[in-house]
Amino acid sequence: HAESLARRLKSADMSCKVPDELNFQSMMLEKHIWICAFMLAGVKNGGVKIGEVEKDCTADVTVLISELLASCRLANPAVPFDDTATVTARLLAYARSVAHF
């Protein structure tokens, strides 16, 4: 299905990258890590918004990202995850882009 959608988008001069299965799993799990880490840190700190978690609760969210990523690595040894510092930086940057939520 992904290849079909990619062809349709390309026919309309739009770009679309279709990752292989393992890279897709890495991206999917990274997104789950983001959701879990930021929601847990937000709730722990009074239900604050994403931007407040990124700005004021960095230590909490960084520990959660590290622990969740380690668990994902153990459960999915074939999945190519970036190093912890790179993933953490990427997830914090994403949080800044959706800070108002």
PDB file of N, CA and C in Angstrom:
ATOM      1  N   HIS A   1       0.807  -1.199   0.000  1.00  0.00           N
ATOM      2  CA  HIS A   1       0.000   0.000   0.000  1.00  0.00           C
ATOM      3  C   HIS A   1       0.848   1.260   0.000  1.00  0.00           C
ATOM      4  N   ALA A   2       1.956   1.236   0.701  1.00  0.00           N
ATOM      5  CA  ALA A   2       2.809   2.417   0.785  1.00  0.00           C
ATOM      6  C   ALA A   2       3.377   2.774  -0.582  1.00  0.00           C
ATOM      7  N   GLU A   3       3.783   1.774  -1.339  1.00  0.00           N
ATOM      8  CA  GLU A   3       4.342   2.032  -2.661  1.00  0.00           C
ATOM      9  C   GLU A   3       3.289   2.632  -3.584  1.00  0.00           C
ATOM     10  N   SER A   4       2.059   2.183  -3.469  1.00  0.00           N
ATOM     11  CA  SER A   4       0.968   2.725  -4.283  1.00  0.00           C
ATOM     12  C   SER A   4       0.731   4.199  -3.958  1.00  0.00           C
ATOM     13  N   LEU A   5       0.702   4.520  -2.688  1.00  0.00           N
ATOM     14  CA  LEU A   5       0.532   5.918  -2.286  1.00  0.00           C
ATOM     15  C   LEU A   5       1.707   6.755  -2.757  1.00  0.00           C
ATOM     16  N   ALA A   6       2.911   6.236  -2.642  1.00  0.00           N
ATOM     17  CA  ALA A   6       4.097   6.964  -3.090  1.00  0.00           C
ATOM     18  C   ALA A   6       4.015   7.266  -4.581  1.00  0.00           C
ATOM     19  N   ARG A   7       3.570   6.309  -5.376  1.00  0.00           N
ATOM     20  CA  ARG A   7       3.419   6.536  -6.819  1.00  0.00           C
ATOM     21  C   ARG A   7       2.397   7.632  -7.098  1.00  0.00           C
ATOM     22  N   ARG A   8       1.281   7.602  -6.373  1.00  0.00           N
ATOM     23  CA  ARG A   8       0.243   8.614  -6.577  1.00  0.00           C
ATOM     24  C   ARG A   8       0.752  10.006  -6.215  1.00  0.00           C
ATOM     25  N   LEU A   9       1.474  10.105  -5.135  1.00  0.00           N
ATOM     26  CA  LEU A   9       2.018  11.396  -4.734  1.00  0.00           C
ATOM     27  C   LEU A   9       3.055  11.893  -5.738  1.00  0.00           C
ATOM     28  N   LYS A  10       3.919  10.999  -6.189  1.00  0.00           N
ATOM     29  CA  LYS A  10       4.940  11.382  -7.160  1.00  0.00           C
ATOM     30  C   LYS A  10       4.320  11.824  -8.479  1.00  0.00           C
ATOM     31  N   SER A  11       3.199  11.207  -8.865  1.00  0.00           N
ATOM     32  CA  SER A  11       2.527  11.624 -10.103  1.00  0.00           C
ATOM     33  C   SER A  11       1.968  13.039  -9.988  1.00  0.00           C
ATOM     34  N   ALA A  12       1.783  13.522  -8.764  1.00  0.00           N
ATOM     35  CA  ALA A  12       1.319  14.893  -8.516  1.00  0.00           C
ATOM     36  C   ALA A  12       2.495  15.801  -8.137  1.00  0.00           C
ATOM     37  N   ASP A  13       3.712  15.375  -8.477  1.00  0.00           N
ATOM     38  CA  ASP A  13       4.933  16.123  -8.173  1.00  0.00           C
ATOM     39  C   ASP A  13       5.136  16.358  -6.681  1.00  0.00           C
ATOM     40  N   MET A  14       4.734  15.395  -5.878  1.00  0.00           N
ATOM     41  CA  MET A  14       4.956  15.453  -4.432  1.00  0.00           C
ATOM     42  C   MET A  14       5.948  14.360  -4.069  1.00  0.00           C
ATOM     43  N   SER A  15       6.733  14.590  -3.041  1.00  0.00           N
ATOM     44  CA  SER A  15       7.717  13.585  -2.644  1.00  0.00           C
ATOM     45  C   SER A  15       7.145  12.662  -1.575  1.00  0.00           C
ATOM     46  N   CYS A  16       7.672  11.476  -1.550  1.00  0.00           N
ATOM     47  CA  CYS A  16       7.250  10.497  -0.548  1.00  0.00           C
ATOM     48  C   CYS A  16       8.356   9.458  -0.423  1.00  0.00           C
ATOM     49  N   LYS A  17       8.854   9.290   0.786  1.00  0.00           N
ATOM     50  CA  LYS A  17       9.873   8.279   1.038  1.00  0.00           C
ATOM     51  C   LYS A  17       9.206   7.085   1.701  1.00  0.00           C
ATOM     52  N   VAL A  18       9.493   5.907   1.204  1.00  0.00           N
ATOM     53  CA  VAL A  18       8.956   4.680   1.777  1.00  0.00           C
ATOM     54  C   VAL A  18      10.116   3.914   2.405  1.00  0.00           C
ATOM     55  N   PRO A  19      10.187   3.883   3.736  1.00  0.00           N
ATOM     56  CA  PRO A  19      11.301   3.180   4.390  1.00  0.00           C
ATOM     57  C   PRO A  19      11.106   1.665   4.330  1.00  0.00           C
ATOM     58  N   ASP A  20      12.213   0.954   4.465  1.00  0.00           N
ATOM     59  CA  ASP A  20      12.091  -0.502   4.570  1.00  0.00           C
ATOM     60  C   ASP A  20      11.475  -0.842   5.931  1.00  0.00           C
ATOM     61  N   GLU A  21      11.116  -2.096   6.110  1.00  0.00           N
ATOM     62  CA  GLU A  21      10.368  -2.499   7.306  1.00  0.00           C
ATOM     63  C   GLU A  21      11.098  -2.185   8.616  1.00  0.00           C
ATOM     64  N   LEU A  22      12.383  -2.481   8.699  1.00  0.00           N
ATOM     65  CA  LEU A  22      13.107  -2.260   9.946  1.00  0.00           C
ATOM     66  C   LEU A  22      13.248  -0.771  10.260  1.00  0.00           C
ATOM     67  N   ASN A  23      13.505   0.039   9.241  1.00  0.00           N
ATOM     68  CA  ASN A  23      13.595   1.481   9.484  1.00  0.00           C
ATOM     69  C   ASN A  23      12.237   2.061   9.852  1.00  0.00           C
ATOM     70  N   PHE A  24      11.174   1.532   9.251  1.00  0.00           N
ATOM     71  CA  PHE A  24       9.831   1.970   9.637  1.00  0.00           C
ATOM     72  C   PHE A  24       9.577   1.638  11.106  1.00  0.00           C
ATOM     73  N   GLN A  25       9.951   0.434  11.531  1.00  0.00           N
ATOM     74  CA  GLN A  25       9.761   0.051  12.927  1.00  0.00           C
ATOM     75  C   GLN A  25      10.532   0.975  13.861  1.00  0.00           C
ATOM     76  N   SER A  26      11.728   1.342  13.472  1.00  0.00           N
ATOM     77  CA  SER A  26      12.520   2.261  14.275  1.00  0.00           C
ATOM     78  C   SER A  26      11.807   3.608  14.422  1.00  0.00           C
ATOM     79  N   MET A  27      11.294   4.139  13.317  1.00  0.00           N
ATOM     80  CA  MET A  27      10.577   5.418  13.348  1.00  0.00           C
ATOM     81  C   MET A  27       9.300   5.318  14.188  1.00  0.00           C
ATOM     82  N   MET A  28       8.571   4.215  14.019  1.00  0.00           N
ATOM     83  CA  MET A  28       7.329   4.013  14.757  1.00  0.00           C
ATOM     84  C   MET A  28       7.591   3.922  16.255  1.00  0.00           C
ATOM     85  N   LEU A  29       8.585   3.142  16.642  1.00  0.00           N
ATOM     86  CA  LEU A  29       8.895   2.990  18.063  1.00  0.00           C
ATOM     87  C   LEU A  29       9.427   4.294  18.656  1.00  0.00           C
ATOM     88  N   GLU A  30      10.182   5.041  17.870  1.00  0.00           N
ATOM     89  CA  GLU A  30      10.668   6.333  18.352  1.00  0.00           C
ATOM     90  C   GLU A  30       9.485   7.274  18.625  1.00  0.00           C
ATOM     91  N   LYS A  31       8.494   7.253  17.766  1.00  0.00           N
ATOM     92  CA  LYS A  31       7.301   8.084  17.979  1.00  0.00           C
ATOM     93  C   LYS A  31       6.563   7.628  19.244  1.00  0.00           C
ATOM     94  N   HIS A  32       6.467   6.334  19.455  1.00  0.00           N
ATOM     95  CA  HIS A  32       5.834   5.828  20.681  1.00  0.00           C
ATOM     96  C   HIS A  32       6.620   6.251  21.922  1.00  0.00           C
ATOM     97  N   ILE A  33       7.935   6.207  21.822  1.00  0.00           N
ATOM     98  CA  ILE A  33       8.781   6.654  22.933  1.00  0.00           C
ATOM     99  C   ILE A  33       8.488   8.121  23.237  1.00  0.00           C
ATOM    100  N   TRP A  34       8.400   8.940  22.194  1.00  0.00           N
ATOM    101  CA  TRP A  34       8.102  10.364  22.391  1.00  0.00           C
ATOM    102  C   TRP A  34       6.783  10.540  23.130  1.00  0.00           C
ATOM    103  N   ILE A  35       5.749   9.885  22.650  1.00  0.00           N
ATOM    104  CA  ILE A  35       4.429  10.030  23.266  1.00  0.00           C
ATOM    105  C   ILE A  35       4.471   9.595  24.725  1.00  0.00           C
ATOM    106  N   CYS A  36       5.027   8.431  24.983  1.00  0.00           N
ATOM    107  CA  CYS A  36       5.065   7.917  26.354  1.00  0.00           C
ATOM    108  C   CYS A  36       5.896   8.812  27.270  1.00  0.00           C
ATOM    109  N   ALA A  37       7.082   9.178  26.852  1.00  0.00           N
ATOM    110  CA  ALA A  37       7.969   9.968  27.702  1.00  0.00           C
ATOM    111  C   ALA A  37       7.375  11.342  28.011  1.00  0.00           C
ATOM    112  N   PHE A  38       6.873  12.009  26.995  1.00  0.00           N
ATOM    113  CA  PHE A  38       6.358  13.362  27.223  1.00  0.00           C
ATOM    114  C   PHE A  38       5.036  13.364  27.970  1.00  0.00           C
ATOM    115  N   MET A  39       4.178  12.393  27.706  1.00  0.00           N
ATOM    116  CA  MET A  39       2.906  12.344  28.436  1.00  0.00           C
ATOM    117  C   MET A  39       3.152  11.993  29.910  1.00  0.00           C
ATOM    118  N   LEU A  40       4.028  11.021  30.172  1.00  0.00           N
ATOM    119  CA  LEU A  40       4.327  10.645  31.561  1.00  0.00           C
ATOM    120  C   LEU A  40       4.975  11.794  32.331  1.00  0.00           C
ATOM    121  N   ALA A  41       5.947  12.455  31.712  1.00  0.00           N
ATOM    122  CA  ALA A  41       6.609  13.576  32.385  1.00  0.00           C
ATOM    123  C   ALA A  41       5.628  14.726  32.595  1.00  0.00           C
ATOM    124  N   GLY A  42       4.745  14.945  31.645  1.00  0.00           N
ATOM    125  CA  GLY A  42       3.748  15.998  31.786  1.00  0.00           C
ATOM    126  C   GLY A  42       2.786  15.736  32.922  1.00  0.00           C
ATOM    127  N   VAL A  43       2.300  14.519  33.015  1.00  0.00           N
ATOM    128  CA  VAL A  43       1.377  14.146  34.097  1.00  0.00           C
ATOM    129  C   VAL A  43       2.081  14.229  35.444  1.00  0.00           C
ATOM    130  N   LYS A  44       3.308  13.715  35.510  1.00  0.00           N
ATOM    131  CA  LYS A  44       4.073  13.753  36.763  1.00  0.00           C
ATOM    132  C   LYS A  44       4.247  15.185  37.273  1.00  0.00           C
ATOM    133  N   ASN A  45       4.298  16.128  36.353  1.00  0.00           N
ATOM    134  CA  ASN A  45       4.551  17.518  36.709  1.00  0.00           C
ATOM    135  C   ASN A  45       3.298  18.390  36.606  1.00  0.00           C
ATOM    136  N   GLY A  46       2.153  17.809  36.894  1.00  0.00           N
ATOM    137  CA  GLY A  46       0.929  18.590  37.006  1.00  0.00           C
ATOM    138  C   GLY A  46       0.119  18.744  35.736  1.00  0.00           C
ATOM    139  N   GLY A  47       0.379  17.929  34.751  1.00  0.00           N
ATOM    140  CA  GLY A  47      -0.394  18.014  33.517  1.00  0.00           C
ATOM    141  C   GLY A  47       0.016  19.166  32.621  1.00  0.00           C
ATOM    142  N   VAL A  48       1.290  19.503  32.636  1.00  0.00           N
ATOM    143  CA  VAL A  48       1.783  20.633  31.849  1.00  0.00           C
ATOM    144  C   VAL A  48       1.819  20.306  30.359  1.00  0.00           C
ATOM    145  N   LYS A  49       1.865  21.351  29.549  1.00  0.00           N
ATOM    146  CA  LYS A  49       1.910  21.202  28.095  1.00  0.00           C
ATOM    147  C   LYS A  49       3.272  20.682  27.646  1.00  0.00           C
ATOM    148  N   ILE A  50       3.295  20.187  26.401  1.00  0.00           N
ATOM    149  CA  ILE A  50       4.519  19.621  25.828  1.00  0.00           C
ATOM    150  C   ILE A  50       5.696  20.595  25.918  1.00  0.00           C
ATOM    151  N   GLY A  51       5.459  21.845  25.589  1.00  0.00           N
ATOM    152  CA  GLY A  51       6.532  22.835  25.640  1.00  0.00           C
ATOM    153  C   GLY A  51       7.101  23.007  27.030  1.00  0.00           C
ATOM    154  N   GLU A  52       6.234  22.941  28.030  1.00  0.00           N
ATOM    155  CA  GLU A  52       6.697  23.051  29.413  1.00  0.00           C
ATOM    156  C   GLU A  52       7.499  21.819  29.816  1.00  0.00           C
ATOM    157  N   VAL A  53       7.089  20.653  29.346  1.00  0.00           N
ATOM    158  CA  VAL A  53       7.852  19.432  29.620  1.00  0.00           C
ATOM    159  C   VAL A  53       9.247  19.571  29.014  1.00  0.00           C
ATOM    160  N   GLU A  54       9.306  19.997  27.756  1.00  0.00           N
ATOM    161  CA  GLU A  54      10.600  20.132  27.074  1.00  0.00           C
ATOM    162  C   GLU A  54      11.481  21.159  27.774  1.00  0.00           C
ATOM    163  N   LYS A  55      10.887  22.264  28.217  1.00  0.00           N
ATOM    164  CA  LYS A  55      11.658  23.360  28.807  1.00  0.00           C
ATOM    165  C   LYS A  55      12.007  23.122  30.273  1.00  0.00           C
ATOM    166  N   ASP A  56      11.021  22.670  31.055  1.00  0.00           N
ATOM    167  CA  ASP A  56      11.182  22.623  32.516  1.00  0.00           C
ATOM    168  C   ASP A  56      11.384  21.220  33.098  1.00  0.00           C
ATOM    169  N   CYS A  57      11.119  20.202  32.331  1.00  0.00           N
ATOM    170  CA  CYS A  57      11.191  18.820  32.849  1.00  0.00           C
ATOM    171  C   CYS A  57      12.146  17.971  32.016  1.00  0.00           C
ATOM    172  N   THR A  58      13.171  18.611  31.476  1.00  0.00           N
ATOM    173  CA  THR A  58      14.098  17.916  30.582  1.00  0.00           C
ATOM    174  C   THR A  58      14.737  16.700  31.249  1.00  0.00           C
ATOM    175  N   ALA A  59      15.094  16.812  32.498  1.00  0.00           N
ATOM    176  CA  ALA A  59      15.736  15.686  33.189  1.00  0.00           C
ATOM    177  C   ALA A  59      14.799  14.486  33.249  1.00  0.00           C
ATOM    178  N   ASP A  60      13.536  14.729  33.619  1.00  0.00           N
ATOM    179  CA  ASP A  60      12.561  13.628  33.686  1.00  0.00           C
ATOM    180  C   ASP A  60      12.374  12.968  32.326  1.00  0.00           C
ATOM    181  N   VAL A  61      12.154  13.787  31.311  1.00  0.00           N
ATOM    182  CA  VAL A  61      11.855  13.234  29.991  1.00  0.00           C
ATOM    183  C   VAL A  61      13.084  12.545  29.387  1.00  0.00           C
ATOM    184  N   THR A  62      14.273  13.057  29.670  1.00  0.00           N
ATOM    185  CA  THR A  62      15.493  12.442  29.158  1.00  0.00           C
ATOM    186  C   THR A  62      15.698  11.046  29.741  1.00  0.00           C
ATOM    187  N   VAL A  63      15.449  10.900  31.038  1.00  0.00           N
ATOM    188  CA  VAL A  63      15.556   9.581  31.676  1.00  0.00           C
ATOM    189  C   VAL A  63      14.536   8.617  31.071  1.00  0.00           C
ATOM    190  N   LEU A  64      13.313   9.080  30.891  1.00  0.00           N
ATOM    191  CA  LEU A  64      12.276   8.224  30.310  1.00  0.00           C
ATOM    192  C   LEU A  64      12.637   7.804  28.890  1.00  0.00           C
ATOM    193  N   ILE A  65      13.105   8.740  28.074  1.00  0.00           N
ATOM    194  CA  ILE A  65      13.503   8.403  26.703  1.00  0.00           C
ATOM    195  C   ILE A  65      14.602   7.341  26.728  1.00  0.00           C
ATOM    196  N   SER A  66      15.593   7.530  27.566  1.00  0.00           N
ATOM    197  CA  SER A  66      16.704   6.587  27.653  1.00  0.00           C
ATOM    198  C   SER A  66      16.229   5.190  28.057  1.00  0.00           C
ATOM    199  N   GLU A  67      15.370   5.122  29.058  1.00  0.00           N
ATOM    200  CA  GLU A  67      14.871   3.821  29.535  1.00  0.00           C
ATOM    201  C   GLU A  67      13.986   3.143  28.489  1.00  0.00           C
ATOM    202  N   LEU A  68      13.101   3.911  27.871  1.00  0.00           N
ATOM    203  CA  LEU A  68      12.212   3.336  26.856  1.00  0.00           C
ATOM    204  C   LEU A  68      12.994   2.886  25.629  1.00  0.00           C
ATOM    205  N   LEU A  69      13.972   3.673  25.221  1.00  0.00           N
ATOM    206  CA  LEU A  69      14.796   3.302  24.073  1.00  0.00           C
ATOM    207  C   LEU A  69      15.599   2.034  24.366  1.00  0.00           C
ATOM    208  N   ALA A  70      16.126   1.933  25.564  1.00  0.00           N
ATOM    209  CA  ALA A  70      16.867   0.720  25.943  1.00  0.00           C
ATOM    210  C   ALA A  70      15.959  -0.503  25.885  1.00  0.00           C
ATOM    211  N   SER A  71      14.738  -0.362  26.360  1.00  0.00           N
ATOM    212  CA  SER A  71      13.779  -1.473  26.300  1.00  0.00           C
ATOM    213  C   SER A  71      13.455  -1.849  24.862  1.00  0.00           C
ATOM    214  N   CYS A  72      13.274  -0.846  24.013  1.00  0.00           N
ATOM    215  CA  CYS A  72      12.987  -1.118  22.599  1.00  0.00           C
ATOM    216  C   CYS A  72      14.152  -1.830  21.928  1.00  0.00           C
ATOM    217  N   ARG A  73      15.366  -1.430  22.271  1.00  0.00           N
ATOM    218  CA  ARG A  73      16.548  -2.096  21.707  1.00  0.00           C
ATOM    219  C   ARG A  73      16.605  -3.567  22.121  1.00  0.00           C
ATOM    220  N   LEU A  74      16.329  -3.828  23.391  1.00  0.00           N
ATOM    221  CA  LEU A  74      16.366  -5.215  23.869  1.00  0.00           C
ATOM    222  C   LEU A  74      15.278  -6.073  23.220  1.00  0.00           C
ATOM    223  N   ALA A  75      14.106  -5.505  23.062  1.00  0.00           N
ATOM    224  CA  ALA A  75      12.976  -6.264  22.495  1.00  0.00           C
ATOM    225  C   ALA A  75      13.051  -6.384  20.978  1.00  0.00           C
ATOM    226  N   ASN A  76      13.837  -5.520  20.336  1.00  0.00           N
ATOM    227  CA  ASN A  76      13.908  -5.486  18.871  1.00  0.00           C
ATOM    228  C   ASN A  76      15.357  -5.374  18.408  1.00  0.00           C
ATOM    229  N   PRO A  77      16.163  -6.408  18.620  1.00  0.00           N
ATOM    230  CA  PRO A  77      17.598  -6.299  18.336  1.00  0.00           C
ATOM    231  C   PRO A  77      17.934  -6.045  16.864  1.00  0.00           C
ATOM    232  N   ALA A  78      17.052  -6.373  15.947  1.00  0.00           N
ATOM    233  CA  ALA A  78      17.339  -6.159  14.524  1.00  0.00           C
ATOM    234  C   ALA A  78      16.990  -4.750  14.050  1.00  0.00           C
ATOM    235  N   VAL A  79      16.268  -4.007  14.869  1.00  0.00           N
ATOM    236  CA  VAL A  79      15.832  -2.666  14.471  1.00  0.00           C
ATOM    237  C   VAL A  79      16.981  -1.677  14.652  1.00  0.00           C
ATOM    238  N   PRO A  80      17.268  -0.880  13.616  1.00  0.00           N
ATOM    239  CA  PRO A  80      18.401   0.050  13.670  1.00  0.00           C
ATOM    240  C   PRO A  80      18.045   1.386  14.327  1.00  0.00           C
ATOM    241  N   PHE A  81      18.246   1.488  15.622  1.00  0.00           N
ATOM    242  CA  PHE A  81      18.009   2.741  16.336  1.00  0.00           C
ATOM    243  C   PHE A  81      19.272   3.597  16.321  1.00  0.00           C
ATOM    244  N   ASP A  82      19.084   4.913  16.261  1.00  0.00           N
ATOM    245  CA  ASP A  82      20.211   5.826  16.434  1.00  0.00           C
ATOM    246  C   ASP A  82      20.656   5.776  17.890  1.00  0.00           C
ATOM    247  N   ASP A  83      21.829   6.368  18.180  1.00  0.00           N
ATOM    248  CA  ASP A  83      22.316   6.376  19.558  1.00  0.00           C
ATOM    249  C   ASP A  83      21.377   7.218  20.434  1.00  0.00           C
ATOM    250  N   THR A  84      21.444   6.997  21.721  1.00  0.00           N
ATOM    251  CA  THR A  84      20.525   7.624  22.670  1.00  0.00           C
ATOM    252  C   THR A  84      20.575   9.149  22.610  1.00  0.00           C
ATOM    253  N   ALA A  85      21.757   9.724  22.515  1.00  0.00           N
ATOM    254  CA  ALA A  85      21.873  11.183  22.470  1.00  0.00           C
ATOM    255  C   ALA A  85      21.186  11.761  21.232  1.00  0.00           C
ATOM    256  N   THR A  86      21.330  11.093  20.096  1.00  0.00           N
ATOM    257  CA  THR A  86      20.708  11.557  18.852  1.00  0.00           C
ATOM    258  C   THR A  86      19.196  11.461  18.930  1.00  0.00           C
ATOM    259  N   VAL A  87      18.690  10.330  19.423  1.00  0.00           N
ATOM    260  CA  VAL A  87      17.239  10.163  19.560  1.00  0.00           C
ATOM    261  C   VAL A  87      16.680  11.195  20.531  1.00  0.00           C
ATOM    262  N   THR A  88      17.347  11.378  21.661  1.00  0.00           N
ATOM    263  CA  THR A  88      16.878  12.346  22.660  1.00  0.00           C
ATOM    264  C   THR A  88      16.829  13.751  22.068  1.00  0.00           C
ATOM    265  N   ALA A  89      17.872  14.150  21.384  1.00  0.00           N
ATOM    266  CA  ALA A  89      17.908  15.480  20.766  1.00  0.00           C
ATOM    267  C   ALA A  89      16.779  15.634  19.748  1.00  0.00           C
ATOM    268  N   ARG A  90      16.548  14.610  18.954  1.00  0.00           N
ATOM    269  CA  ARG A  90      15.486  14.666  17.936  1.00  0.00           C
ATOM    270  C   ARG A  90      14.109  14.783  18.587  1.00  0.00           C
ATOM    271  N   LEU A  91      13.873  14.010  19.657  1.00  0.00           N
ATOM    272  CA  LEU A  91      12.572  14.046  20.318  1.00  0.00           C
ATOM    273  C   LEU A  91      12.344  15.364  21.050  1.00  0.00           C
ATOM    274  N   LEU A  92      13.379  15.928  21.637  1.00  0.00           N
ATOM    275  CA  LEU A  92      13.257  17.245  22.266  1.00  0.00           C
ATOM    276  C   LEU A  92      12.972  18.320  21.216  1.00  0.00           C
ATOM    277  N   ALA A  93      13.629  18.225  20.070  1.00  0.00           N
ATOM    278  CA  ALA A  93      13.395  19.189  18.989  1.00  0.00           C
ATOM    279  C   ALA A  93      11.958  19.080  18.480  1.00  0.00           C
ATOM    280  N   TYR A  94      11.465  17.858  18.337  1.00  0.00           N
ATOM    281  CA  TYR A  94      10.079  17.677  17.902  1.00  0.00           C
ATOM    282  C   TYR A  94       9.130  18.296  18.920  1.00  0.00           C
ATOM    283  N   ALA A  95       9.421  18.109  20.186  1.00  0.00           N
ATOM    284  CA  ALA A  95       8.570  18.683  21.240  1.00  0.00           C
ATOM    285  C   ALA A  95       8.498  20.203  21.124  1.00  0.00           C
ATOM    286  N   ARG A  96       9.620  20.825  20.777  1.00  0.00           N
ATOM    287  CA  ARG A  96       9.613  22.284  20.602  1.00  0.00           C
ATOM    288  C   ARG A  96       8.706  22.705  19.452  1.00  0.00           C
ATOM    289  N   SER A  97       8.598  21.840  18.439  1.00  0.00           N
ATOM    290  CA  SER A  97       7.757  22.191  17.278  1.00  0.00           C
ATOM    291  C   SER A  97       6.262  22.049  17.566  1.00  0.00           C
ATOM    292  N   VAL A  98       5.922  21.335  18.626  1.00  0.00           N
ATOM    293  CA  VAL A  98       4.508  21.165  19.006  1.00  0.00           C
ATOM    294  C   VAL A  98       4.296  21.618  20.457  1.00  0.00           C
ATOM    295  N   ALA A  99       5.045  22.618  20.864  1.00  0.00           N
ATOM    296  CA  ALA A  99       5.087  23.061  22.260  1.00  0.00           C
ATOM    297  C   ALA A  99       3.731  23.482  22.807  1.00  0.00           C
ATOM    298  N   HIS A 100       2.830  23.932  21.962  1.00  0.00           N
ATOM    299  CA  HIS A 100       1.540  24.437  22.433  1.00  0.00           C
ATOM    300  C   HIS A 100       0.553  23.336  22.823  1.00  0.00           C
ATOM    301  N   PHE A 101       0.873  22.087  22.553  1.00  0.00           N
ATOM    302  CA  PHE A 101      -0.045  20.989  22.916  1.00  0.00           C
ATOM    303  C   PHE A 101       0.147  20.589  24.370  1.00  0.00           C
TER     304      PHE A 101
END
